[in-house]
Amino acid sequence: MKAINKSAARAMRKMISMMDNGYAKIQKSSSFMAVTIELVGQNELGKLFSVAHYAEQNGDLMRDPEVVFILGADEEFYPVTIQQDFIGKYQDVLEYDETGKIKGWYPRLQADLAAFANFWLKNIKYQQSL
């Protein structure tokens, strides 16, 4: 799998360092959307962290977007899902068997998600002064 770049990984580590009880909401300026980071679980590849922007529509919180990253045993971050509620998009790069175990992944989709995550985390790093 393709890991995010070093600059994006630094932003992830900074956000993780700001977490309290597995969660942080970061908003350094009212000019930009807050970003949340949350420890959402673990699978056989590592810990799972959700990073998301949320907006409200008709009283509901909408992910705009949410990306879930695996923190692997090699201490690298690998984006594995993206969800954007406003456009009805959900993509998971992992493929599971009937017991829920990972049986494969989609390399091209995962590489595209890593490229997006690099760009998005660069913006978050700037917006939140990380």
Protein backbone atom coordinates (compact mmCIF):
# COMPACT_ATOMS: atom_id res chain seq x y z
CA MET A 1 0.00 0.00 0.00
CA LYS A 2 1.03 3.59 -0.59
CA ALA A 3 1.66 5.67 2.53
CA ILE A 4 1.04 9.40 2.73
CA ASN A 5 4.07 11.64 2.30
CA LYS A 6 6.30 12.84 5.15
CA SER A 7 4.69 16.29 5.41
CA ALA A 8 1.19 14.80 5.60
CA ALA A 9 2.41 12.26 8.18
CA ARG A 10 3.77 15.10 10.33
CA ALA A 11 0.34 16.74 10.24
CA MET A 12 -1.27 13.43 11.27
CA ARG A 13 1.18 12.99 14.16
CA LYS A 14 0.57 16.56 15.33
CA MET A 15 -3.20 16.02 15.31
CA ILE A 16 -2.82 12.71 17.16
CA SER A 17 -0.70 14.48 19.79
CA MET A 18 -3.62 16.87 20.37
CA MET A 19 -6.10 14.05 21.07
CA ASP A 20 -7.68 13.56 24.47
CA ASN A 21 -9.31 10.17 25.08
CA GLY A 22 -9.05 9.27 21.40
CA TYR A 23 -10.57 12.49 20.02
CA ALA A 24 -9.68 16.07 19.09
CA LYS A 25 -11.55 18.88 17.37
CA ILE A 26 -9.13 21.46 16.03
CA GLN A 27 -10.15 24.93 14.88
CA LYS A 28 -7.49 27.64 15.02
CA SER A 29 -9.47 30.13 12.91
CA SER A 30 -13.16 30.71 12.26
CA SER A 31 -12.22 31.29 8.61
CA PHE A 32 -11.74 27.55 8.05
CA MET A 33 -13.75 24.44 8.88
CA ALA A 34 -12.75 22.62 12.05
CA VAL A 35 -11.06 19.27 11.60
CA THR A 36 -11.70 16.30 13.86
CA ILE A 37 -9.49 13.32 14.45
CA GLU A 38 -10.66 10.23 16.25
CA LEU A 39 -9.29 6.80 17.05
CA VAL A 40 -12.09 4.63 15.62
CA GLY A 41 -10.72 1.12 16.03
CA GLN A 42 -8.09 -1.33 14.99
CA ASN A 43 -7.77 -4.09 12.43
CA GLU A 44 -5.05 -6.62 11.69
CA LEU A 45 -3.01 -3.91 9.91
CA GLY A 46 -3.01 -1.34 12.72
CA LYS A 47 -4.90 1.43 14.48
CA LEU A 48 -7.62 3.26 12.55
CA PHE A 49 -7.87 7.06 12.70
CA SER A 50 -10.71 9.07 11.21
CA VAL A 51 -9.96 12.61 10.01
CA ALA A 52 -12.99 14.65 8.99
CA HIS A 53 -14.50 17.99 8.21
CA TYR A 54 -18.18 18.20 9.16
CA ALA A 55 -20.87 20.52 7.88
CA GLU A 56 -24.53 20.64 8.79
CA GLN A 57 -27.47 20.04 6.48
CA ASN A 58 -31.05 20.02 7.77
CA GLY A 59 -29.74 19.48 11.30
CA ASP A 60 -27.60 16.48 10.33
CA LEU A 61 -23.80 16.37 10.45
CA MET A 62 -22.39 15.57 7.03
CA ARG A 63 -18.84 14.34 6.35
CA ASP A 64 -17.10 16.66 3.92
CA PRO A 65 -14.98 14.47 3.68
CA GLU A 66 -13.95 11.81 6.18
CA VAL A 67 -10.85 9.74 5.48
CA VAL A 68 -9.86 6.76 7.61
CA PHE A 69 -6.16 6.01 7.92
CA ILE A 70 -4.38 2.90 9.16
CA LEU A 71 -1.31 3.56 11.29
CA GLY A 72 0.74 0.54 10.31
CA ALA A 73 3.37 -1.35 12.29
CA ASP A 74 5.95 0.57 10.23
CA GLU A 75 4.57 3.86 11.72
CA GLU A 76 3.36 4.97 8.28
CA PHE A 77 -0.19 6.18 7.57
CA TYR A 78 -2.26 4.51 4.85
CA PRO A 79 -5.62 6.00 3.82
CA VAL A 80 -8.19 3.25 3.30
CA THR A 81 -11.65 4.84 3.12
CA ILE A 82 -13.22 8.10 2.05
CA GLN A 83 -16.77 9.26 2.58
CA GLN A 84 -18.35 12.48 1.30
CA ASP A 85 -21.99 12.67 2.34
CA PHE A 86 -22.99 15.66 0.19
CA ILE A 87 -22.29 13.72 -2.99
CA GLY A 88 -23.13 10.24 -1.69
CA LYS A 89 -19.60 8.91 -2.08
CA TYR A 90 -18.10 6.05 -0.09
CA GLN A 91 -15.01 4.14 -1.18
CA ASP A 92 -13.12 1.44 0.70
CA VAL A 93 -9.81 0.25 -0.71
CA LEU A 94 -9.88 -2.95 1.34
CA GLU A 95 -11.72 -6.11 0.39
CA TYR A 96 -13.06 -8.38 3.14
CA ASP A 97 -14.01 -12.04 3.32
CA GLU A 98 -17.25 -13.32 4.86
CA THR A 99 -15.70 -13.28 8.38
CA GLY A 100 -14.60 -9.65 8.11
CA LYS A 101 -10.91 -10.41 7.59
CA ILE A 102 -9.02 -8.42 4.99
CA LYS A 103 -8.51 -10.56 1.90
CA GLY A 104 -7.22 -7.96 -0.54
CA TRP A 105 -7.11 -4.34 -1.60
CA TYR A 106 -7.43 -2.11 -4.64
CA PRO A 107 -3.95 -0.66 -5.34
CA ARG A 108 -4.96 2.02 -7.86
CA LEU A 109 -7.81 3.32 -5.70
CA GLN A 110 -5.58 3.32 -2.63
CA ALA A 111 -2.83 5.25 -4.47
CA ASP A 112 -5.41 7.81 -5.63
CA LEU A 113 -6.67 8.16 -2.06
CA ALA A 114 -3.09 8.65 -0.80
CA ALA A 115 -2.56 11.43 -3.37
CA PHE A 116 -5.80 13.10 -2.27
CA ALA A 117 -4.84 12.74 1.41
CA ASN A 118 -1.44 14.35 0.78
CA PHE A 119 -3.14 17.40 -0.78
CA TRP A 120 -5.92 17.58 1.83
CA LEU A 121 -3.58 17.24 4.82
CA LYS A 122 -1.37 19.98 3.34
CA ASN A 123 -4.42 22.25 3.39
CA ILE A 124 -5.35 21.20 6.93
CA LYS A 125 -1.78 21.83 8.09
CA TYR A 126 -1.98 25.38 6.70
CA GLN A 127 -5.55 26.09 7.89
CA GLN A 128 -4.98 24.85 11.43
CA SER A 129 -1.37 26.10 11.81
CA LEU A 130 -0.09 22.60 12.57
